[in-house]
N, C-alpha and C. Protein backbone atom coordinates (compact mmCIF):
# COMPACT_ATOMS: atom_id res chain seq x y z
N MET A 1 -18.24 21.82 20.27
CA MET A 1 -17.65 22.56 19.17
C MET A 1 -16.95 21.56 18.25
N ALA A 2 -17.21 21.68 16.97
CA ALA A 2 -16.58 20.82 15.97
C ALA A 2 -15.34 21.52 15.41
N LEU A 3 -14.19 20.93 15.63
CA LEU A 3 -12.94 21.50 15.14
C LEU A 3 -12.71 21.04 13.70
N LYS A 4 -11.94 21.80 12.96
CA LYS A 4 -11.70 21.51 11.55
C LYS A 4 -10.26 21.10 11.31
N SER A 5 -10.05 20.33 10.25
CA SER A 5 -8.73 19.92 9.75
C SER A 5 -7.92 19.13 10.76
N LEU A 6 -8.56 18.37 11.62
CA LEU A 6 -7.82 17.57 12.61
C LEU A 6 -7.05 16.42 11.96
N ARG A 7 -7.53 15.93 10.83
CA ARG A 7 -6.87 14.82 10.15
C ARG A 7 -5.43 15.17 9.78
N GLU A 8 -5.14 16.45 9.58
CA GLU A 8 -3.79 16.88 9.23
C GLU A 8 -2.77 16.52 10.31
N PHE A 9 -3.24 16.25 11.51
CA PHE A 9 -2.33 15.99 12.63
C PHE A 9 -2.24 14.50 12.96
N LEU A 10 -2.98 13.68 12.25
CA LEU A 10 -2.90 12.24 12.46
C LEU A 10 -1.74 11.69 11.64
N LYS A 11 -0.92 10.87 12.24
CA LYS A 11 0.23 10.28 11.56
C LYS A 11 0.01 8.78 11.44
N PHE A 12 0.24 8.25 10.25
CA PHE A 12 0.16 6.82 10.02
C PHE A 12 1.57 6.30 9.81
N ASP A 13 1.98 5.32 10.60
CA ASP A 13 3.32 4.74 10.51
C ASP A 13 3.31 3.59 9.51
N ALA A 14 3.46 3.92 8.22
CA ALA A 14 3.39 2.92 7.16
C ALA A 14 4.51 1.89 7.28
N VAL A 15 5.69 2.30 7.67
CA VAL A 15 6.81 1.37 7.79
C VAL A 15 6.49 0.28 8.82
N SER A 16 5.97 0.66 9.97
CA SER A 16 5.60 -0.32 10.99
C SER A 16 4.42 -1.18 10.53
N PHE A 17 3.47 -0.58 9.83
CA PHE A 17 2.31 -1.32 9.35
C PHE A 17 2.72 -2.45 8.41
N PHE A 18 3.66 -2.18 7.50
CA PHE A 18 4.07 -3.18 6.52
C PHE A 18 5.17 -4.11 7.02
N LYS A 19 5.76 -3.82 8.16
CA LYS A 19 6.92 -4.57 8.66
C LYS A 19 6.67 -6.07 8.77
N SER A 20 5.55 -6.49 9.28
CA SER A 20 5.29 -7.92 9.50
C SER A 20 4.26 -8.47 8.52
N LYS A 21 4.27 -7.91 7.32
CA LYS A 21 3.33 -8.37 6.30
C LYS A 21 4.07 -8.78 5.04
N GLN A 22 3.50 -9.74 4.33
CA GLN A 22 3.99 -10.12 3.01
C GLN A 22 3.00 -9.56 2.00
N LEU A 23 3.51 -8.83 1.02
CA LEU A 23 2.68 -8.26 -0.04
C LEU A 23 2.93 -9.00 -1.33
N LEU A 24 1.87 -9.51 -1.92
CA LEU A 24 1.96 -10.23 -3.19
C LEU A 24 1.39 -9.35 -4.29
N LEU A 25 2.22 -9.00 -5.28
CA LEU A 25 1.79 -8.16 -6.39
C LEU A 25 0.89 -8.97 -7.32
N MET A 26 -0.30 -8.43 -7.58
CA MET A 26 -1.26 -9.12 -8.43
C MET A 26 -1.45 -8.44 -9.79
N ARG A 27 -1.44 -7.11 -9.80
CA ARG A 27 -1.75 -6.39 -11.03
C ARG A 27 -1.24 -4.96 -10.91
N GLU A 28 -0.95 -4.37 -12.05
CA GLU A 28 -0.57 -2.96 -12.09
C GLU A 28 -1.38 -2.28 -13.19
N THR A 29 -1.80 -1.07 -12.91
CA THR A 29 -2.56 -0.28 -13.88
C THR A 29 -2.05 1.15 -13.84
N PRO A 30 -2.29 1.90 -14.90
CA PRO A 30 -1.90 3.31 -14.88
C PRO A 30 -2.70 4.06 -13.81
N TRP A 31 -2.04 4.99 -13.15
CA TRP A 31 -2.68 5.85 -12.16
C TRP A 31 -2.85 7.21 -12.81
N THR A 32 -4.08 7.65 -12.95
CA THR A 32 -4.34 8.92 -13.60
C THR A 32 -4.87 9.94 -12.60
N ASP A 33 -4.48 11.18 -12.81
CA ASP A 33 -4.95 12.28 -11.98
C ASP A 33 -6.44 12.50 -12.25
N TYR A 34 -7.20 12.60 -11.18
CA TYR A 34 -8.65 12.72 -11.30
C TYR A 34 -9.06 13.99 -12.06
N ASP A 35 -8.40 15.11 -11.78
CA ASP A 35 -8.78 16.39 -12.39
C ASP A 35 -8.31 16.53 -13.83
N SER A 36 -7.04 16.21 -14.10
CA SER A 36 -6.49 16.43 -15.43
C SER A 36 -6.64 15.23 -16.37
N GLY A 37 -6.79 14.04 -15.80
CA GLY A 37 -6.87 12.83 -16.63
C GLY A 37 -5.51 12.35 -17.11
N LYS A 38 -4.44 13.03 -16.69
CA LYS A 38 -3.09 12.65 -17.11
C LYS A 38 -2.56 11.51 -16.25
N GLU A 39 -1.76 10.65 -16.88
CA GLU A 39 -1.13 9.56 -16.15
C GLU A 39 -0.01 10.12 -15.28
N VAL A 40 -0.06 9.81 -13.97
CA VAL A 40 0.93 10.34 -13.04
C VAL A 40 1.78 9.25 -12.41
N GLY A 41 1.46 7.99 -12.68
CA GLY A 41 2.22 6.89 -12.11
C GLY A 41 1.51 5.57 -12.33
N ALA A 42 1.81 4.63 -11.47
CA ALA A 42 1.21 3.30 -11.54
C ALA A 42 0.49 2.99 -10.24
N LYS A 43 -0.57 2.20 -10.36
CA LYS A 43 -1.30 1.74 -9.19
C LYS A 43 -1.10 0.24 -9.11
N LEU A 44 -0.54 -0.23 -7.99
CA LEU A 44 -0.28 -1.64 -7.79
C LEU A 44 -1.39 -2.25 -6.95
N LYS A 45 -1.95 -3.35 -7.42
CA LYS A 45 -2.94 -4.10 -6.63
C LYS A 45 -2.17 -5.22 -5.94
N VAL A 46 -2.18 -5.23 -4.62
CA VAL A 46 -1.48 -6.26 -3.86
C VAL A 46 -2.45 -6.95 -2.91
N ILE A 47 -2.07 -8.16 -2.54
CA ILE A 47 -2.78 -8.90 -1.50
C ILE A 47 -1.86 -8.99 -0.30
N ILE A 48 -2.41 -8.74 0.87
CA ILE A 48 -1.64 -8.98 2.09
C ILE A 48 -1.66 -10.49 2.29
N TRP A 49 -0.56 -11.13 1.90
CA TRP A 49 -0.47 -12.59 1.90
C TRP A 49 -0.44 -13.16 3.31
N THR A 50 0.40 -12.57 4.14
CA THR A 50 0.43 -12.93 5.56
C THR A 50 0.50 -11.66 6.39
N ASP A 51 -0.04 -11.72 7.59
CA ASP A 51 -0.03 -10.57 8.49
C ASP A 51 0.31 -11.08 9.90
N ASP A 52 1.56 -10.88 10.29
CA ASP A 52 2.02 -11.30 11.61
C ASP A 52 2.14 -10.12 12.58
N THR A 53 1.47 -9.03 12.27
CA THR A 53 1.48 -7.85 13.13
C THR A 53 0.78 -8.17 14.44
N LYS A 54 1.33 -7.69 15.53
CA LYS A 54 0.71 -7.83 16.86
C LYS A 54 -0.14 -6.59 17.10
N TYR A 55 -1.44 -6.73 16.88
CA TYR A 55 -2.37 -5.62 17.08
C TYR A 55 -2.79 -5.55 18.55
N ALA A 56 -3.27 -4.38 18.97
CA ALA A 56 -3.71 -4.19 20.36
C ALA A 56 -4.90 -5.09 20.68
N LYS A 57 -5.76 -5.30 19.70
CA LYS A 57 -6.94 -6.13 19.91
C LYS A 57 -6.65 -7.56 19.43
N GLU A 58 -6.92 -8.52 20.26
CA GLU A 58 -6.68 -9.94 19.96
C GLU A 58 -7.52 -10.40 18.77
N GLY A 59 -6.93 -11.21 17.90
CA GLY A 59 -7.66 -11.81 16.79
C GLY A 59 -7.79 -10.95 15.55
N VAL A 60 -7.15 -9.79 15.53
CA VAL A 60 -7.22 -8.90 14.37
C VAL A 60 -6.17 -9.32 13.35
N SER A 61 -6.56 -9.36 12.08
CA SER A 61 -5.62 -9.65 11.00
C SER A 61 -6.14 -9.03 9.71
N ASN A 62 -5.23 -8.58 8.88
CA ASN A 62 -5.58 -8.06 7.56
C ASN A 62 -5.19 -9.04 6.46
N GLU A 63 -4.82 -10.25 6.85
CA GLU A 63 -4.41 -11.28 5.90
C GLU A 63 -5.49 -11.53 4.87
N GLY A 64 -5.08 -11.60 3.60
CA GLY A 64 -5.99 -11.90 2.51
C GLY A 64 -6.69 -10.69 1.92
N LEU A 65 -6.52 -9.52 2.52
CA LEU A 65 -7.17 -8.32 2.01
C LEU A 65 -6.36 -7.70 0.88
N GLU A 66 -7.06 -7.08 -0.06
CA GLU A 66 -6.41 -6.39 -1.18
C GLU A 66 -6.26 -4.91 -0.86
N MET A 67 -5.25 -4.32 -1.46
CA MET A 67 -5.07 -2.87 -1.33
C MET A 67 -4.35 -2.35 -2.57
N ASP A 68 -4.57 -1.07 -2.84
CA ASP A 68 -3.89 -0.39 -3.94
C ASP A 68 -2.76 0.46 -3.38
N ILE A 69 -1.66 0.46 -4.09
CA ILE A 69 -0.51 1.28 -3.71
C ILE A 69 -0.15 2.13 -4.92
N LYS A 70 -0.11 3.43 -4.73
CA LYS A 70 0.20 4.36 -5.81
C LYS A 70 1.69 4.68 -5.80
N VAL A 71 2.29 4.59 -7.00
CA VAL A 71 3.72 4.88 -7.15
C VAL A 71 3.87 5.98 -8.20
N PRO A 72 4.10 7.22 -7.74
CA PRO A 72 4.25 8.33 -8.69
C PRO A 72 5.44 8.12 -9.62
N GLY A 73 5.25 8.48 -10.89
CA GLY A 73 6.35 8.44 -11.86
C GLY A 73 6.64 7.08 -12.46
N LEU A 74 6.05 6.02 -11.96
CA LEU A 74 6.28 4.68 -12.49
C LEU A 74 5.24 4.39 -13.57
N LYS A 75 5.69 3.85 -14.68
CA LYS A 75 4.76 3.46 -15.74
C LYS A 75 4.38 2.00 -15.55
N ALA A 76 3.08 1.72 -15.54
CA ALA A 76 2.59 0.36 -15.32
C ALA A 76 3.16 -0.60 -16.35
N GLU A 77 3.31 -0.15 -17.60
CA GLU A 77 3.80 -1.06 -18.65
C GLU A 77 5.29 -1.39 -18.49
N ASP A 78 6.00 -0.65 -17.64
CA ASP A 78 7.42 -0.94 -17.41
C ASP A 78 7.63 -2.09 -16.42
N ILE A 79 6.58 -2.52 -15.76
CA ILE A 79 6.70 -3.61 -14.79
C ILE A 79 6.63 -4.94 -15.53
N ASP A 80 7.59 -5.80 -15.28
CA ASP A 80 7.65 -7.11 -15.95
C ASP A 80 6.50 -7.98 -15.47
N ARG A 81 5.55 -8.22 -16.35
CA ARG A 81 4.36 -9.00 -15.99
C ARG A 81 4.68 -10.46 -15.70
N ASN A 82 5.84 -10.93 -16.14
CA ASN A 82 6.23 -12.33 -15.89
C ASN A 82 6.96 -12.50 -14.56
N ASN A 83 7.21 -11.41 -13.87
CA ASN A 83 7.99 -11.44 -12.63
C ASN A 83 7.07 -11.22 -11.43
N ARG A 84 6.06 -12.05 -11.31
CA ARG A 84 5.13 -11.94 -10.19
C ARG A 84 5.77 -12.46 -8.92
N GLY A 85 5.39 -11.88 -7.80
CA GLY A 85 5.90 -12.37 -6.54
C GLY A 85 5.71 -11.36 -5.43
N PHE A 86 6.41 -11.63 -4.34
CA PHE A 86 6.35 -10.75 -3.18
C PHE A 86 7.16 -9.49 -3.45
N ILE A 87 6.67 -8.37 -2.89
CA ILE A 87 7.37 -7.10 -3.10
C ILE A 87 7.64 -6.42 -1.76
N ARG A 88 8.60 -5.53 -1.78
CA ARG A 88 8.91 -4.66 -0.64
C ARG A 88 8.78 -3.23 -1.15
N LEU A 89 8.06 -2.40 -0.42
CA LEU A 89 7.84 -1.01 -0.81
C LEU A 89 9.00 -0.13 -0.38
N SER A 90 9.30 0.87 -1.18
CA SER A 90 10.33 1.86 -0.84
C SER A 90 9.63 3.11 -0.31
N ASN A 91 9.97 3.49 0.90
CA ASN A 91 9.46 4.70 1.54
C ASN A 91 7.93 4.83 1.46
N PRO A 92 7.21 3.84 2.00
CA PRO A 92 5.75 3.96 1.97
C PRO A 92 5.25 5.03 2.93
N THR A 93 4.19 5.71 2.52
CA THR A 93 3.49 6.66 3.37
C THR A 93 2.00 6.37 3.24
N GLY A 94 1.25 6.74 4.26
CA GLY A 94 -0.17 6.45 4.19
C GLY A 94 -1.01 7.45 4.94
N VAL A 95 -2.28 7.49 4.55
CA VAL A 95 -3.26 8.34 5.19
C VAL A 95 -4.49 7.49 5.48
N VAL A 96 -4.94 7.51 6.73
CA VAL A 96 -6.16 6.83 7.12
C VAL A 96 -7.32 7.81 6.91
N TYR A 97 -8.40 7.31 6.32
CA TYR A 97 -9.54 8.18 6.06
C TYR A 97 -10.83 7.38 6.16
N GLY A 98 -11.92 8.01 5.88
CA GLY A 98 -13.22 7.36 5.90
C GLY A 98 -14.00 7.68 7.16
N GLU A 99 -15.30 7.50 7.08
CA GLU A 99 -16.18 7.81 8.20
C GLU A 99 -15.80 7.05 9.46
N PHE A 100 -15.37 5.81 9.29
CA PHE A 100 -14.99 4.99 10.44
C PHE A 100 -13.48 4.84 10.57
N GLN A 101 -12.74 5.68 9.80
CA GLN A 101 -11.27 5.64 9.83
C GLN A 101 -10.74 4.24 9.56
N ASN A 102 -11.35 3.54 8.58
CA ASN A 102 -10.93 2.18 8.24
C ASN A 102 -10.51 2.06 6.78
N GLU A 103 -10.26 3.18 6.13
CA GLU A 103 -9.76 3.20 4.75
C GLU A 103 -8.32 3.69 4.79
N LEU A 104 -7.51 3.21 3.83
CA LEU A 104 -6.09 3.54 3.82
C LEU A 104 -5.65 3.89 2.41
N SER A 105 -5.03 5.03 2.24
CA SER A 105 -4.44 5.45 0.98
C SER A 105 -2.93 5.37 1.13
N ILE A 106 -2.28 4.56 0.28
CA ILE A 106 -0.84 4.33 0.38
C ILE A 106 -0.14 4.82 -0.88
N LYS A 107 0.98 5.51 -0.69
CA LYS A 107 1.89 5.87 -1.78
C LYS A 107 3.26 5.34 -1.41
N ALA A 108 4.06 5.04 -2.42
CA ALA A 108 5.44 4.60 -2.20
C ALA A 108 6.31 5.19 -3.30
N ASP A 109 7.61 5.33 -3.00
CA ASP A 109 8.55 5.83 -4.00
C ASP A 109 8.84 4.79 -5.07
N GLY A 110 8.61 3.53 -4.74
CA GLY A 110 8.87 2.43 -5.66
C GLY A 110 8.70 1.12 -4.92
N PHE A 111 9.19 0.05 -5.55
CA PHE A 111 9.15 -1.26 -4.93
C PHE A 111 10.22 -2.14 -5.54
N GLU A 112 10.51 -3.23 -4.86
CA GLU A 112 11.41 -4.23 -5.41
C GLU A 112 10.82 -5.61 -5.16
N PHE A 113 11.12 -6.53 -6.08
CA PHE A 113 10.68 -7.89 -5.88
C PHE A 113 11.59 -8.55 -4.86
N ILE A 114 11.01 -9.37 -4.03
CA ILE A 114 11.76 -10.11 -3.03
C ILE A 114 11.86 -11.54 -3.52
N LYS A 115 13.06 -11.95 -3.79
CA LYS A 115 13.26 -13.26 -4.42
C LYS A 115 13.03 -14.42 -3.46
N GLU A 116 13.44 -14.26 -2.21
CA GLU A 116 13.30 -15.36 -1.27
C GLU A 116 11.83 -15.54 -0.88
N GLN A 117 11.44 -16.76 -0.63
CA GLN A 117 10.07 -17.05 -0.18
C GLN A 117 9.86 -16.36 1.16
N GLY A 118 8.73 -15.75 1.33
CA GLY A 118 8.42 -15.19 2.64
C GLY A 118 8.32 -13.69 2.70
N GLY A 119 8.62 -13.00 1.63
CA GLY A 119 8.40 -11.56 1.61
C GLY A 119 9.17 -10.80 2.68
N GLU A 120 8.51 -9.89 3.35
CA GLU A 120 9.15 -8.98 4.30
C GLU A 120 9.67 -9.68 5.54
N LYS A 121 9.03 -10.74 5.95
CA LYS A 121 9.35 -11.35 7.25
C LYS A 121 10.77 -11.71 7.29
């Protein structure tokens, strides 16, 4: 029997996922609603600069991979383009999806630049 809506009960611990990672902000673009076409926030393109997470499987790392982070209510043009660097997300949440459960959709309330070298660590 195939059950429905099971994904609603899966929880992704975004805080733990980002805890041992450094995120480097590369670009920001407007985030538009697919249905209405209206701008609803900003989409941040980040690189996972370092990944010191201890995964259950040996040799796993997400270092060097890119990801998008959606920030509702933030205007992309309000981000200082000259202030590139490591960032820390405020209240990140995420949903794992995809046929192989290897895709991740992340939203955050905001972010701050981390002045010291080394990001989150």
